[in-house]
C-alpha atoms as a PDB file:
ATOM      1  CA  UNK A   1      52.636  49.293 173.802  1.00  0.00           C
ATOM      2  CA  UNK A   2      49.377  49.945 172.459  1.00  0.00           C
ATOM      3  CA  UNK A   3      46.798  51.278 174.859  1.00  0.00           C
ATOM      4  CA  UNK A   4      43.406  49.116 174.864  1.00  0.00           C
ATOM      5  CA  UNK A   5      40.280  51.109 173.903  1.00  0.00           C
ATOM      6  CA  UNK A   6      36.602  50.062 175.657  1.00  0.00           C
ATOM      7  CA  UNK A   7      33.523  51.689 175.348  1.00  0.00           C
ATOM      8  CA  UNK A   8      31.051  51.793 178.154  1.00  0.00           C
ATOM      9  CA  UNK A   9      27.320  52.101 177.441  1.00  0.00           C
ATOM     10  CA  UNK A  10      25.214  52.840 180.661  1.00  0.00           C
ATOM     11  CA  UNK A  11      21.717  51.346 179.925  1.00  0.00           C
ATOM     12  CA  UNK A  12      19.424  51.500 182.717  1.00  0.00           C
ATOM     13  CA  UNK A  13      16.193  53.664 183.685  1.00  0.00           C
ATOM     14  CA  UNK A  14      12.898  53.420 181.944  1.00  0.00           C
ATOM     15  CA  UNK A  15      12.325  56.718 180.213  1.00  0.00           C
ATOM     16  CA  UNK A  16       9.110  57.731 182.290  1.00  0.00           C
ATOM     17  CA  UNK A  17       8.637  60.873 180.237  1.00  0.00           C
ATOM     18  CA  UNK A  18       7.940  58.349 177.208  1.00  0.00           C
ATOM     19  CA  UNK A  19       5.356  56.292 178.757  1.00  0.00           C
ATOM     20  CA  UNK A  20       3.199  54.484 177.846  1.00  0.00           C
ATOM     21  CA  UNK A  21       5.481  53.100 175.191  1.00  0.00           C
ATOM     22  CA  UNK A  22       8.574  53.149 177.533  1.00  0.00           C
ATOM     23  CA  UNK A  23       7.900  50.780 180.467  1.00  0.00           C
ATOM     24  CA  UNK A  24      10.110  48.313 182.598  1.00  0.00           C
ATOM     25  CA  UNK A  25       9.777  45.761 180.007  1.00  0.00           C
ATOM     26  CA  UNK A  26      10.608  48.060 176.862  1.00  0.00           C
ATOM     27  CA  UNK A  27      12.922  50.651 178.387  1.00  0.00           C
ATOM     28  CA  UNK A  28      13.352  54.014 176.422  1.00  0.00           C
ATOM     29  CA  UNK A  29      16.823  52.486 175.052  1.00  0.00           C
ATOM     30  CA  UNK A  30      14.910  49.305 173.777  1.00  0.00           C
ATOM     31  CA  UNK A  31      12.359  51.475 171.572  1.00  0.00           C
ATOM     32  CA  UNK A  32      12.630  51.718 167.867  1.00  0.00           C
ATOM     33  CA  UNK A  33      13.434  55.320 167.930  1.00  0.00           C
ATOM     34  CA  UNK A  34      16.728  55.541 166.000  1.00  0.00           C
ATOM     35  CA  UNK A  35      16.831  55.778 162.114  1.00  0.00           C
ATOM     36  CA  UNK A  36      15.329  52.979 160.148  1.00  0.00           C
ATOM     37  CA  UNK A  37      13.175  51.833 163.218  1.00  0.00           C
ATOM     38  CA  UNK A  38      16.471  50.657 165.200  1.00  0.00           C
ATOM     39  CA  UNK A  39      16.641  50.549 169.011  1.00  0.00           C
ATOM     40  CA  UNK A  40      18.500  53.420 170.412  1.00  0.00           C
ATOM     41  CA  UNK A  41      20.830  50.911 172.263  1.00  0.00           C
ATOM     42  CA  UNK A  42      21.720  49.045 169.022  1.00  0.00           C
ATOM     43  CA  UNK A  43      22.299  52.366 167.391  1.00  0.00           C
ATOM     44  CA  UNK A  44      24.612  53.719 170.096  1.00  0.00           C
ATOM     45  CA  UNK A  45      26.359  49.935 170.161  1.00  0.00           C
ATOM     46  CA  UNK A  46      27.110  50.228 166.494  1.00  0.00           C
ATOM     47  CA  UNK A  47      28.128  53.787 166.584  1.00  0.00           C
ATOM     48  CA  UNK A  48      31.006  52.926 168.825  1.00  0.00           C
ATOM     49  CA  UNK A  49      31.773  49.346 167.562  1.00  0.00           C
ATOM     50  CA  UNK A  50      34.396  50.495 165.172  1.00  0.00           C
ATOM     51  CA  UNK A  51      36.265  52.785 167.350  1.00  0.00           C
ATOM     52  CA  UNK A  52      37.225  50.342 170.348  1.00  0.00           C
ATOM     53  CA  UNK A  53      38.458  46.915 171.025  1.00  0.00           C
ATOM     54  CA  UNK A  54      35.771  45.747 173.432  1.00  0.00           C
ATOM     55  CA  UNK A  55      32.141  47.285 174.448  1.00  0.00           C
ATOM     56  CA  UNK A  56      30.718  46.957 177.909  1.00  0.00           C
ATOM     57  CA  UNK A  57      27.304  47.663 178.833  1.00  0.00           C
ATOM     58  CA  UNK A  58      26.578  48.580 182.631  1.00  0.00           C
ATOM     59  CA  UNK A  59      22.891  47.640 183.369  1.00  0.00           C
ATOM     60  CA  UNK A  60      20.687  46.483 186.342  1.00  0.00           C
ATOM     61  CA  UNK A  61      19.792  43.161 186.820  1.00  0.00           C
ATOM     62  CA  UNK A  62      16.067  43.539 185.828  1.00  0.00           C
ATOM     63  CA  UNK A  63      17.248  44.800 182.388  1.00  0.00           C
ATOM     64  CA  UNK A  64      19.603  41.976 181.535  1.00  0.00           C
ATOM     65  CA  UNK A  65      17.262  40.130 179.134  1.00  0.00           C
ATOM     66  CA  UNK A  66      16.244  43.451 177.646  1.00  0.00           C
ATOM     67  CA  UNK A  67      19.812  44.160 176.766  1.00  0.00           C
ATOM     68  CA  UNK A  68      20.518  40.746 175.367  1.00  0.00           C
ATOM     69  CA  UNK A  69      17.593  40.809 173.307  1.00  0.00           C
ATOM     70  CA  UNK A  70      18.647  43.896 171.684  1.00  0.00           C
ATOM     71  CA  UNK A  71      22.366  42.970 171.605  1.00  0.00           C
ATOM     72  CA  UNK A  72      22.322  39.151 171.281  1.00  0.00           C
ATOM     73  CA  UNK A  73      26.148  39.333 170.700  1.00  0.00           C
ATOM     74  CA  UNK A  74      26.951  40.668 174.013  1.00  0.00           C
ATOM     75  CA  UNK A  75      28.264  37.976 176.445  1.00  0.00           C
ATOM     76  CA  UNK A  76      28.079  37.899 180.167  1.00  0.00           C
ATOM     77  CA  UNK A  77      31.839  39.241 180.514  1.00  0.00           C
ATOM     78  CA  UNK A  78      30.757  42.212 178.655  1.00  0.00           C
ATOM     79  CA  UNK A  79      27.723  42.785 180.984  1.00  0.00           C
ATOM     80  CA  UNK A  80      28.493  44.872 183.987  1.00  0.00           C
ATOM     81  CA  UNK A  81      25.323  44.146 186.188  1.00  0.00           C
ATOM     82  CA  UNK A  82      24.036  46.258 189.003  1.00  0.00           C
ATOM     83  CA  UNK A  83      22.121  43.893 191.493  1.00  0.00           C
ATOM     84  CA  UNK A  84      19.751  46.749 191.763  1.00  0.00           C
ATOM     85  CA  UNK A  85      19.750  50.563 190.298  1.00  0.00           C
ATOM     86  CA  UNK A  86      21.457  52.684 192.677  1.00  0.00           C
ATOM     87  CA  UNK A  87      22.130  55.948 190.664  1.00  0.00           C
ATOM     88  CA  UNK A  88      24.702  56.851 188.095  1.00  0.00           C
ATOM     89  CA  UNK A  89      27.707  57.367 190.804  1.00  0.00           C
ATOM     90  CA  UNK A  90      27.551  53.772 191.495  1.00  0.00           C
ATOM     91  CA  UNK A  91      26.810  52.469 188.021  1.00  0.00           C
ATOM     92  CA  UNK A  92      29.916  54.351 186.792  1.00  0.00           C
ATOM     93  CA  UNK A  93      32.003  53.421 189.874  1.00  0.00           C
ATOM     94  CA  UNK A  94      30.883  49.897 189.664  1.00  0.00           C
ATOM     95  CA  UNK A  95      32.029  50.162 185.853  1.00  0.00           C
ATOM     96  CA  UNK A  96      35.427  51.759 186.892  1.00  0.00           C
ATOM     97  CA  UNK A  97      36.397  49.288 189.281  1.00  0.00           C
ATOM     98  CA  UNK A  98      35.537  46.373 187.383  1.00  0.00           C
ATOM     99  CA  UNK A  99      37.579  47.852 184.114  1.00  0.00           C
ATOM    100  CA  UNK A 100      40.597  48.777 186.493  1.00  0.00           C
ATOM    101  CA  UNK A 101      40.895  45.097 186.944  1.00  0.00           C
ATOM    102  CA  UNK A 102      41.102  44.321 183.211  1.00  0.00           C
ATOM    103  CA  UNK A 103      43.344  47.281 182.401  1.00  0.00           C
ATOM    104  CA  UNK A 104      43.790  50.389 184.588  1.00  0.00           C
ATOM    105  CA  UNK A 105      45.122  52.461 181.696  1.00  0.00           C
ATOM    106  CA  UNK A 106      42.750  51.686 179.086  1.00  0.00           C
ATOM    107  CA  UNK A 107      40.951  54.582 177.325  1.00  0.00           C
ATOM    108  CA  UNK A 108      37.150  54.427 178.093  1.00  0.00           C
ATOM    109  CA  UNK A 109      34.360  56.049 176.003  1.00  0.00           C
ATOM    110  CA  UNK A 110      31.306  56.107 177.742  1.00  0.00           C
ATOM    111  CA  UNK A 111      27.967  57.101 176.065  1.00  0.00           C
ATOM    112  CA  UNK A 112      24.327  57.004 176.736  1.00  0.00           C
ATOM    113  CA  UNK A 113      22.341  54.176 175.210  1.00  0.00           C
ATOM    114  CA  UNK A 114      19.414  56.398 174.529  1.00  0.00           C
ATOM    115  CA  UNK A 115      20.503  59.210 172.292  1.00  0.00           C
ATOM    116  CA  UNK A 116      19.628  59.763 168.592  1.00  0.00           C
ATOM    117  CA  UNK A 117      22.491  61.024 166.706  1.00  0.00           C
ATOM    118  CA  UNK A 118      22.578  62.009 163.052  1.00  0.00           C
ATOM    119  CA  UNK A 119      26.198  62.442 161.404  1.00  0.00           C
ATOM    120  CA  UNK A 120      29.315  60.965 163.164  1.00  0.00           C
ATOM    121  CA  UNK A 121      30.641  62.176 165.822  1.00  0.00           C
ATOM    122  CA  UNK A 122      17.908  66.570 179.471  1.00  0.00           C
ATOM    123  CA  UNK A 123      21.102  67.649 180.695  1.00  0.00           C
ATOM    124  CA  UNK A 124      22.454  71.091 180.738  1.00  0.00           C
ATOM    125  CA  UNK A 125      25.214  73.368 179.612  1.00  0.00           C
ATOM    126  CA  UNK A 126      29.007  73.373 180.529  1.00  0.00           C
ATOM    127  CA  UNK A 127      30.971  76.403 180.882  1.00  0.00           C
ATOM    128  CA  UNK A 128      34.498  76.295 179.222  1.00  0.00           C
ATOM    129  CA  UNK A 129      35.885  79.520 178.138  1.00  0.00           C
ATOM    130  CA  UNK A 130      39.331  78.864 178.525  1.00  0.00           C
ATOM    131  CA  UNK A 131      41.558  76.930 175.919  1.00  0.00           C
ATOM    132  CA  UNK A 132      43.039  73.467 176.970  1.00  0.00           C
ATOM    133  CA  UNK A 133      45.476  71.296 175.081  1.00  0.00           C
ATOM    134  CA  UNK A 134      45.050  69.893 171.537  1.00  0.00           C
ATOM    135  CA  UNK A 135      41.774  72.017 170.836  1.00  0.00           C
ATOM    136  CA  UNK A 136      39.868  71.419 174.114  1.00  0.00           C
ATOM    137  CA  UNK A 137      38.621  73.533 176.500  1.00  0.00           C
ATOM    138  CA  UNK A 138      38.910  73.573 180.182  1.00  0.00           C
ATOM    139  CA  UNK A 139      35.692  72.781 181.994  1.00  0.00           C
ATOM    140  CA  UNK A 140      34.668  75.552 184.644  1.00  0.00           C
ATOM    141  CA  UNK A 141      31.187  74.796 185.672  1.00  0.00           C
ATOM    142  CA  UNK A 142      28.209  72.733 185.032  1.00  0.00           C
ATOM    143  CA  UNK A 143      24.840  74.524 184.736  1.00  0.00           C
ATOM    144  CA  UNK A 144      21.886  72.026 184.717  1.00  0.00           C
ATOM    145  CA  UNK A 145      18.664  72.884 182.931  1.00  0.00           C
ATOM    146  CA  UNK A 146      18.894  76.856 182.905  1.00  0.00           C
ATOM    147  CA  UNK A 147      15.738  78.711 182.149  1.00  0.00           C
ATOM    148  CA  UNK A 148      15.042  80.070 178.718  1.00  0.00           C
ATOM    149  CA  UNK A 149      16.538  83.621 179.580  1.00  0.00           C
ATOM    150  CA  UNK A 150      19.830  82.040 180.863  1.00  0.00           C
ATOM    151  CA  UNK A 151      20.133  79.724 177.852  1.00  0.00           C
ATOM    152  CA  UNK A 152      19.652  82.866 175.475  1.00  0.00           C
ATOM    153  CA  UNK A 153      22.275  84.773 177.508  1.00  0.00           C
ATOM    154  CA  UNK A 154      24.829  81.374 177.240  1.00  0.00           C
ATOM    155  CA  UNK A 155      24.424  81.475 173.574  1.00  0.00           C
ATOM    156  CA  UNK A 156      24.823  85.161 172.990  1.00  0.00           C
ATOM    157  CA  UNK A 157      27.887  85.458 175.471  1.00  0.00           C
ATOM    158  CA  UNK A 158      29.809  82.293 174.007  1.00  0.00           C
ATOM    159  CA  UNK A 159      32.153  79.912 175.939  1.00  0.00           C
ATOM    160  CA  UNK A 160      29.221  77.441 177.117  1.00  0.00           C
ATOM    161  CA  UNK A 161      28.538  74.138 175.466  1.00  0.00           C
ATOM    162  CA  UNK A 162      25.589  71.709 175.555  1.00  0.00           C
ATOM    163  CA  UNK A 163      26.526  68.865 177.912  1.00  0.00           C
ATOM    164  CA  UNK A 164      25.726  65.341 176.088  1.00  0.00           C
ATOM    165  CA  UNK A 165      27.134  63.300 179.202  1.00  0.00           C
ATOM    166  CA  UNK A 166      29.613  61.578 177.028  1.00  0.00           C
ATOM    167  CA  UNK A 167      33.103  61.155 178.469  1.00  0.00           C
ATOM    168  CA  UNK A 168      36.354  59.674 177.899  1.00  0.00           C
ATOM    169  CA  UNK A 169      38.465  58.399 180.909  1.00  0.00           C
ATOM    170  CA  UNK A 170      40.876  55.869 182.135  1.00  0.00           C
ATOM    171  CA  UNK A 171      39.818  53.288 184.762  1.00  0.00           C
ATOM    172  CA  UNK A 172      42.493  54.409 187.318  1.00  0.00           C
ATOM    173  CA  UNK A 173      41.632  57.973 186.746  1.00  0.00           C
ATOM    174  CA  UNK A 174      37.910  57.617 187.319  1.00  0.00           C
ATOM    175  CA  UNK A 175      38.348  55.470 190.521  1.00  0.00           C
ATOM    176  CA  UNK A 176      41.036  57.950 191.884  1.00  0.00           C
ATOM    177  CA  UNK A 177      38.481  60.757 191.260  1.00  0.00           C
ATOM    178  CA  UNK A 178      35.794  58.801 193.131  1.00  0.00           C
ATOM    179  CA  UNK A 179      38.100  57.916 195.864  1.00  0.00           C
ATOM    180  CA  UNK A 180      39.052  61.850 196.026  1.00  0.00           C
ATOM    181  CA  UNK A 181      35.754  63.148 196.426  1.00  0.00           C
ATOM    182  CA  UNK A 182      33.872  59.905 197.911  1.00  0.00           C
ATOM    183  CA  UNK A 183      36.674  57.782 199.585  1.00  0.00           C
ATOM    184  CA  UNK A 184      33.982  55.596 201.698  1.00  0.00           C
ATOM    185  CA  UNK A 185      32.099  54.813 198.437  1.00  0.00           C
ATOM    186  CA  UNK A 186      34.997  53.769 196.425  1.00  0.00           C
ATOM    187  CA  UNK A 187      35.936  51.438 199.593  1.00  0.00           C
ATOM    188  CA  UNK A 188      32.248  50.260 199.360  1.00  0.00           C
ATOM    189  CA  UNK A 189      32.375  49.658 195.668  1.00  0.00           C
ATOM    190  CA  UNK A 190      35.636  48.058 195.893  1.00  0.00           C
ATOM    191  CA  UNK A 191      34.121  45.444 198.438  1.00  0.00           C
ATOM    192  CA  UNK A 192      31.295  44.716 196.114  1.00  0.00           C
ATOM    193  CA  UNK A 193      33.664  43.883 193.133  1.00  0.00           C
ATOM    194  CA  UNK A 194      35.719  41.694 195.529  1.00  0.00           C
ATOM    195  CA  UNK A 195      32.822  39.723 196.614  1.00  0.00           C
ATOM    196  CA  UNK A 196      31.734  39.167 192.829  1.00  0.00           C
ATOM    197  CA  UNK A 197      34.977  38.059 192.070  1.00  0.00           C
ATOM    198  CA  UNK A 198      35.021  35.744 195.071  1.00  0.00           C
ATOM    199  CA  UNK A 199      31.792  34.119 193.487  1.00  0.00           C
ATOM    200  CA  UNK A 200      29.713  35.642 196.114  1.00  0.00           C
ATOM    201  CA  UNK A 201      26.685  37.474 194.254  1.00  0.00           C
ATOM    202  CA  UNK A 202      24.527  37.281 197.504  1.00  0.00           C
ATOM    203  CA  UNK A 203      26.795  39.401 199.375  1.00  0.00           C
ATOM    204  CA  UNK A 204      27.849  41.822 196.464  1.00  0.00           C
ATOM    205  CA  UNK A 205      23.897  42.372 196.078  1.00  0.00           C
ATOM    206  CA  UNK A 206      23.726  43.078 199.902  1.00  0.00           C
ATOM    207  CA  UNK A 207      26.465  45.416 199.925  1.00  0.00           C
ATOM    208  CA  UNK A 208      25.621  47.288 196.679  1.00  0.00           C
ATOM    209  CA  UNK A 209      21.800  47.810 197.783  1.00  0.00           C
ATOM    210  CA  UNK A 210      22.862  49.720 200.776  1.00  0.00           C
ATOM    211  CA  UNK A 211      24.783  52.440 198.817  1.00  0.00           C
ATOM    212  CA  UNK A 212      23.371  55.907 198.890  1.00  0.00           C
ATOM    213  CA  UNK A 213      21.588  56.995 195.300  1.00  0.00           C
ATOM    214  CA  UNK A 214      23.117  59.971 193.630  1.00  0.00           C
ATOM    215  CA  UNK A 215      24.310  61.209 190.234  1.00  0.00           C
ATOM    216  CA  UNK A 216      27.789  61.239 189.153  1.00  0.00           C
ATOM    217  CA  UNK A 217      27.571  64.853 187.519  1.00  0.00           C
ATOM    218  CA  UNK A 218      26.982  65.984 191.026  1.00  0.00           C
ATOM    219  CA  UNK A 219      29.313  63.993 193.176  1.00  0.00           C
ATOM    220  CA  UNK A 220      32.236  63.743 191.117  1.00  0.00           C
ATOM    221  CA  UNK A 221      32.050  65.526 187.466  1.00  0.00           C
ATOM    222  CA  UNK A 222      31.071  69.184 188.977  1.00  0.00           C
ATOM    223  CA  UNK A 223      33.798  68.868 191.690  1.00  0.00           C
ATOM    224  CA  UNK A 224      36.879  67.533 189.666  1.00  0.00           C
ATOM    225  CA  UNK A 225      39.387  69.857 188.456  1.00  0.00           C
ATOM    226  CA  UNK A 226      40.712  67.150 185.944  1.00  0.00           C
ATOM    227  CA  UNK A 227      38.234  67.625 183.201  1.00  0.00           C
ATOM    228  CA  UNK A 228      38.601  68.937 179.625  1.00  0.00           C
ATOM    229  CA  UNK A 229      35.783  69.493 176.951  1.00  0.00           C
ATOM    230  CA  UNK A 230      35.921  68.788 173.196  1.00  0.00           C
ATOM    231  CA  UNK A 231      33.679  70.893 171.185  1.00  0.00           C
ATOM    232  CA  UNK A 232      31.803  69.251 168.200  1.00  0.00           C
ATOM    233  CA  UNK A 233      28.882  70.025 165.825  1.00  0.00           C
ATOM    234  CA  UNK A 234      26.388  67.113 164.842  1.00  0.00           C
ATOM    235  CA  UNK A 235      22.555  66.623 165.221  1.00  0.00           C
ATOM    236  CA  UNK A 236      21.789  65.330 168.542  1.00  0.00           C
ATOM    237  CA  UNK A 237      18.875  64.630 170.803  1.00  0.00           C
ATOM    238  CA  UNK A 238      18.108  62.616 174.058  1.00  0.00           C
ATOM    239  CA  UNK A 239      14.481  62.705 173.032  1.00  0.00           C
ATOM    240  CA  UNK A 240      13.604  63.553 176.715  1.00  0.00           C
ATOM    241  CA  UNK A 241       9.690  63.859 175.924  1.00  0.00           C
ATOM    242  CA  UNK A 242       7.079  63.093 173.478  1.00  0.00           C
ATOM    243  CA  UNK A 243       7.138  66.759 172.178  1.00  0.00           C
ATOM    244  CA  UNK A 244      10.745  66.440 171.436  1.00  0.00           C
ATOM    245  CA  UNK A 245      10.173  62.998 169.589  1.00  0.00           C
ATOM    246  CA  UNK A 246       7.351  64.857 167.801  1.00  0.00           C
ATOM    247  CA  UNK A 247       9.927  67.540 166.505  1.00  0.00           C
ATOM    248  CA  UNK A 248      11.588  65.056 164.641  1.00  0.00           C
ATOM    249  CA  UNK A 249       8.465  63.614 162.842  1.00  0.00           C
ATOM    250  CA  UNK A 250       7.505  65.628 159.487  1.00  0.00           C
ATOM    251  CA  UNK A 251       4.805  67.829 160.223  1.00  0.00           C
ATOM    252  CA  UNK A 252       2.078  68.452 157.617  1.00  0.00           C
ATOM    253  CA  UNK A 253       0.596  72.110 156.439  1.00  0.00           C
ATOM    254  CA  UNK A 254      -1.478  72.155 159.792  1.00  0.00           C
ATOM    255  CA  UNK A 255       1.552  71.407 161.922  1.00  0.00           C
ATOM    256  CA  UNK A 256       0.479  68.026 162.847  1.00  0.00           C
ATOM    257  CA  UNK A 257       2.963  65.138 163.237  1.00  0.00           C
ATOM    258  CA  UNK A 258       1.751  61.612 162.683  1.00  0.00           C
ATOM    259  CA  UNK A 259       2.884  57.996 163.063  1.00  0.00           C
ATOM    260  CA  UNK A 260       0.378  55.135 162.203  1.00  0.00           C
ATOM    261  CA  UNK A 261      -3.226  55.585 161.324  1.00  0.00           C
ATOM    262  CA  UNK A 262      -4.919  58.806 162.200  1.00  0.00           C
ATOM    263  CA  UNK A 263      -7.856  60.982 160.959  1.00  0.00           C
ATOM    264  CA  UNK A 264      -7.575  64.478 162.104  1.00  0.00           C
ATOM    265  CA  UNK A 265     -10.617  67.102 161.742  1.00  0.00           C
ATOM    266  CA  UNK A 266      -9.942  70.774 162.497  1.00  0.00           C
ATOM    267  CA  UNK A 267      -6.867  69.908 164.465  1.00  0.00           C
ATOM    268  CA  UNK A 268      -3.562  71.889 164.457  1.00  0.00           C
ATOM    269  CA  UNK A 269      -0.293  71.617 165.905  1.00  0.00           C
ATOM    270  CA  UNK A 270      -0.573  68.318 167.301  1.00  0.00           C
ATOM    271  CA  UNK A 271       1.494  65.077 167.700  1.00  0.00           C
ATOM    272  CA  UNK A 272      -0.088  61.711 167.218  1.00  0.00           C
ATOM    273  CA  UNK A 273       1.711  58.360 167.813  1.00  0.00           C
ATOM    274  CA  UNK A 274      -0.670  55.618 166.865  1.00  0.00           C
ATOM    275  CA  UNK A 275      -0.667  52.088 167.558  1.00  0.00           C
ATOM    276  CA  UNK A 276      -2.523  49.212 166.227  1.00  0.00           C
ATOM    277  CA  UNK A 277      -5.690  51.068 165.874  1.00  0.00           C
ATOM    278  CA  UNK A 278      -6.952  54.228 163.996  1.00  0.00           C
ATOM    279  CA  UNK A 279      -6.967  57.423 166.083  1.00  0.00           C
ATOM    280  CA  UNK A 280      -9.313  59.943 165.270  1.00  0.00           C
ATOM    281  CA  UNK A 281      -9.170  63.544 166.800  1.00  0.00           C
ATOM    282  CA  UNK A 282     -11.557  66.650 166.224  1.00  0.00           C
ATOM    283  CA  UNK A 283     -10.730  70.455 167.223  1.00  0.00           C
ATOM    284  CA  UNK A 284      -7.596  69.793 169.053  1.00  0.00           C
ATOM    285  CA  UNK A 285      -4.833  72.261 169.200  1.00  0.00           C
ATOM    286  CA  UNK A 286      -1.283  71.502 170.335  1.00  0.00           C
ATOM    287  CA  UNK A 287      -2.079  68.322 172.046  1.00  0.00           C
ATOM    288  CA  UNK A 288      -0.156  64.909 172.121  1.00  0.00           C
ATOM    289  CA  UNK A 289      -1.879  61.625 171.724  1.00  0.00           C
ATOM    290  CA  UNK A 290      -0.051  58.228 172.069  1.00  0.00           C
ATOM    291  CA  UNK A 291      -1.766  55.123 171.693  1.00  0.00           C
ATOM    292  CA  UNK A 292      -0.217  51.667 173.221  1.00  0.00           C
ATOM    293  CA  UNK A 293      -1.603  48.259 173.452  1.00  0.00           C
ATOM    294  CA  UNK A 294      -3.148  48.694 177.060  1.00  0.00           C
ATOM    295  CA  UNK A 295      -2.991  52.685 177.702  1.00  0.00           C
ATOM    296  CA  UNK A 296      -3.588  55.921 175.753  1.00  0.00           C
ATOM    297  CA  UNK A 297      -1.849  59.199 176.869  1.00  0.00           C
ATOM    298  CA  UNK A 298      -3.473  62.431 176.003  1.00  0.00           C
ATOM    299  CA  UNK A 299      -1.677  65.542 177.033  1.00  0.00           C
ATOM    300  CA  UNK A 300      -0.961  69.196 176.203  1.00  0.00           C
ATOM    301  CA  UNK A 301       2.115  69.572 174.032  1.00  0.00           C
ATOM    302  CA  UNK A 302       3.316  72.048 176.482  1.00  0.00           C
ATOM    303  CA  UNK A 303       3.037  69.658 179.471  1.00  0.00           C
ATOM    304  CA  UNK A 304       5.022  66.971 177.595  1.00  0.00           C
ATOM    305  CA  UNK A 305       7.575  66.874 180.451  1.00  0.00           C
ATOM    306  CA  UNK A 306       4.746  66.038 182.930  1.00  0.00           C
ATOM    307  CA  UNK A 307       4.141  62.544 181.847  1.00  0.00           C
ATOM    308  CA  UNK A 308       6.619  61.067 184.415  1.00  0.00           C
ATOM    309  CA  UNK A 309       3.906  62.430 186.841  1.00  0.00           C
ATOM    310  CA  UNK A 310       1.332  59.559 185.447  1.00  0.00           C
ATOM    311  CA  UNK A 311       4.184  57.159 186.219  1.00  0.00           C
ATOM    312  CA  UNK A 312       4.490  58.285 189.961  1.00  0.00           C
ATOM    313  CA  UNK A 313       0.749  58.410 189.925  1.00  0.00           C
ATOM    314  CA  UNK A 314       0.652  54.647 188.757  1.00  0.00           C
ATOM    315  CA  UNK A 315       3.221  53.704 191.353  1.00  0.00           C
ATOM    316  CA  UNK A 316       1.262  55.402 194.282  1.00  0.00           C
ATOM    317  CA  UNK A 317      -2.025  53.379 193.014  1.00  0.00           C
ATOM    318  CA  UNK A 318      -0.019  50.150 192.845  1.00  0.00           C
ATOM    319  CA  UNK A 319      -1.342  49.819 189.168  1.00  0.00           C
ATOM    320  CA  UNK A 320       2.164  48.240 188.443  1.00  0.00           C
ATOM    321  CA  UNK A 321       0.758  46.369 185.270  1.00  0.00           C
ATOM    322  CA  UNK A 322       1.117  49.470 183.640  1.00  0.00           C
ATOM    323  CA  UNK A 323       4.600  50.220 184.577  1.00  0.00           C
END
């Protein structure tokens, strides 16, 4: 009997470090950041399409229209919708319980909707020094966002791999692991899916909104002893900030990377992402300028990771029209 193959693409969040381009209405995975100006979600969908029988997208209710605008071919049966965003443990758990009802023994390939991949095939490192079966490595430890000195030590020592957060699993195994480490959570997620199958979306939403918010890396993946790693080499980025995106744009002789119309005078090492207007800069060094229809971002290149603080400030000020 041939085992079915599913793909699961988690597509939630807004990518706050890419504000002002990334918004609630245009989250990071809907932005045209892949090759040839394609949305990242479209690129992820097409990348996995030839490998599986069916593709599912797990997303939150508020992004349903965005997802279907990028992927008009996806129907409601292949959208696993969170009533509200409640973290990746619940998103993966909801997907695992839902897919278990379809085929508990299917092979599921899950990969993010907002990564740039060149060639065929953040985050942190995985220590996997011992060999596993069929060319795999046995996962020993997750190390999230190590400092530069630690990262250099990992590279020098060997046995450490960059964590892409791409996973292959069977629904029955994923649900079993959630049940092993979070038995109450599995019962709650099962109740959500049961309510949904009974046609009671209101009850499903009420139950789901009560779930704790946490990330599956910490609640399940870092605790399981049932995880193998497959080493691979290809060009990959999760484009976690404007600085990382700028690194992928060709720089001129003065180290400036420009998209759109710009005039730069005595400016070096800077990134300019223009919109509909001309951007002019004088005497800047290692700066980032991002123009959008209703907002302009100016930030030192060294502080690109702090853009999310602007989003937090906008929330506190209740300036929701800019979110």
